[in-house]
Amino acid sequence: MIDLSSVDYVDSGELGILVGLYIAAKNRSGDIKPVSPSQRVQYALGHTKLNTVFWIYETFDDALAAFTGRVAR
């Protein structure tokens, strides 16, 4: 999980880091789960179509449930 709650802005460098982390995780049969991005970060993810690559989670419980395959309460 990657906590984005305190991130106000991302540029192409930070988006590249997220993509690199995603590729590294997938190459090891893993995943990353961005959690609680600000509206501005959500816009950047949408504008670059990265919102189609990452599932974005509102809470840590939601992301954790996605890792474990359980439904969050």
Protein backbone atom coordinates (compact mmCIF):
# COMPACT_ATOMS: atom_id res chain seq x y z
CA MET A 1 0.00 0.00 0.00
CA ILE A 2 1.18 3.49 -0.75
CA ASP A 3 -0.25 6.24 1.46
CA LEU A 4 -0.94 9.25 -0.75
CA SER A 5 -3.07 11.14 1.78
CA SER A 6 -0.43 13.80 2.44
CA VAL A 7 0.64 14.18 -1.21
CA ASP A 8 -0.72 17.41 -2.68
CA TYR A 9 0.94 17.28 -6.08
CA VAL A 10 2.66 14.79 -8.38
CA ASP A 11 4.70 15.48 -11.47
CA SER A 12 5.96 13.18 -14.21
CA GLY A 13 8.87 12.05 -12.04
CA GLU A 14 6.67 10.86 -9.21
CA LEU A 15 4.25 9.23 -11.65
CA GLY A 16 7.24 7.45 -13.19
CA ILE A 17 8.24 6.18 -9.76
CA LEU A 18 4.72 4.78 -9.22
CA VAL A 19 4.88 3.02 -12.59
CA GLY A 20 8.33 1.64 -11.76
CA LEU A 21 7.07 0.32 -8.42
CA TYR A 22 4.08 -1.22 -10.18
CA ILE A 23 6.27 -2.99 -12.75
CA ALA A 24 8.70 -4.23 -10.09
CA ALA A 25 5.81 -5.56 -7.98
CA LYS A 26 4.13 -7.26 -10.95
CA ASN A 27 7.42 -8.89 -11.97
CA ARG A 28 7.44 -10.49 -8.52
CA SER A 29 3.74 -11.48 -8.66
CA GLY A 30 2.88 -8.59 -6.36
CA ASP A 31 0.85 -5.42 -6.54
CA ILE A 32 0.78 -1.90 -5.19
CA LYS A 33 -2.33 -0.24 -3.89
CA PRO A 34 -2.43 3.57 -3.75
CA VAL A 35 -4.51 4.75 -0.79
CA SER A 36 -6.34 8.02 -0.19
CA PRO A 37 -4.96 10.29 -2.94
CA SER A 38 -5.98 13.94 -2.87
CA GLN A 39 -8.33 15.23 -5.54
CA ARG A 40 -5.37 16.81 -7.35
CA VAL A 41 -3.44 13.52 -7.38
CA GLN A 42 -6.55 11.67 -8.55
CA TYR A 43 -6.80 14.17 -11.40
CA ALA A 44 -3.17 13.52 -12.41
CA LEU A 45 -3.75 9.76 -12.32
CA GLY A 46 -6.86 10.17 -14.45
CA HIS A 47 -5.28 12.61 -16.89
CA THR A 48 -2.42 10.18 -17.54
CA LYS A 49 -4.79 7.17 -17.60
CA LEU A 50 -2.89 5.60 -14.70
CA ASN A 51 -6.23 5.25 -12.95
CA THR A 52 -6.82 2.38 -15.38
CA VAL A 53 -3.63 0.68 -14.17
CA PHE A 54 -4.04 1.14 -10.41
CA TRP A 55 -7.05 0.41 -8.28
CA ILE A 56 -7.31 3.46 -6.02
CA TYR A 57 -8.50 2.85 -2.45
CA GLU A 58 -10.07 5.33 -0.08
CA THR A 59 -8.90 3.61 3.11
CA PHE A 60 -6.17 1.26 4.28
CA ASP A 61 -8.83 -1.24 5.29
CA ASP A 62 -10.17 -1.31 1.72
CA ALA A 63 -6.67 -1.85 0.29
CA LEU A 64 -5.83 -4.50 2.86
CA ALA A 65 -9.06 -6.31 2.10
CA ALA A 66 -8.13 -6.29 -1.60
CA PHE A 67 -4.77 -7.90 -0.79
CA THR A 68 -6.36 -10.59 1.33
CA GLY A 69 -9.39 -11.10 -0.89
CA ARG A 70 -11.79 -10.23 1.90
CA VAL A 71 -14.46 -7.57 1.98
CA ALA A 72 -13.73 -4.65 4.30
CA ARG A 73 -16.31 -3.90 6.95
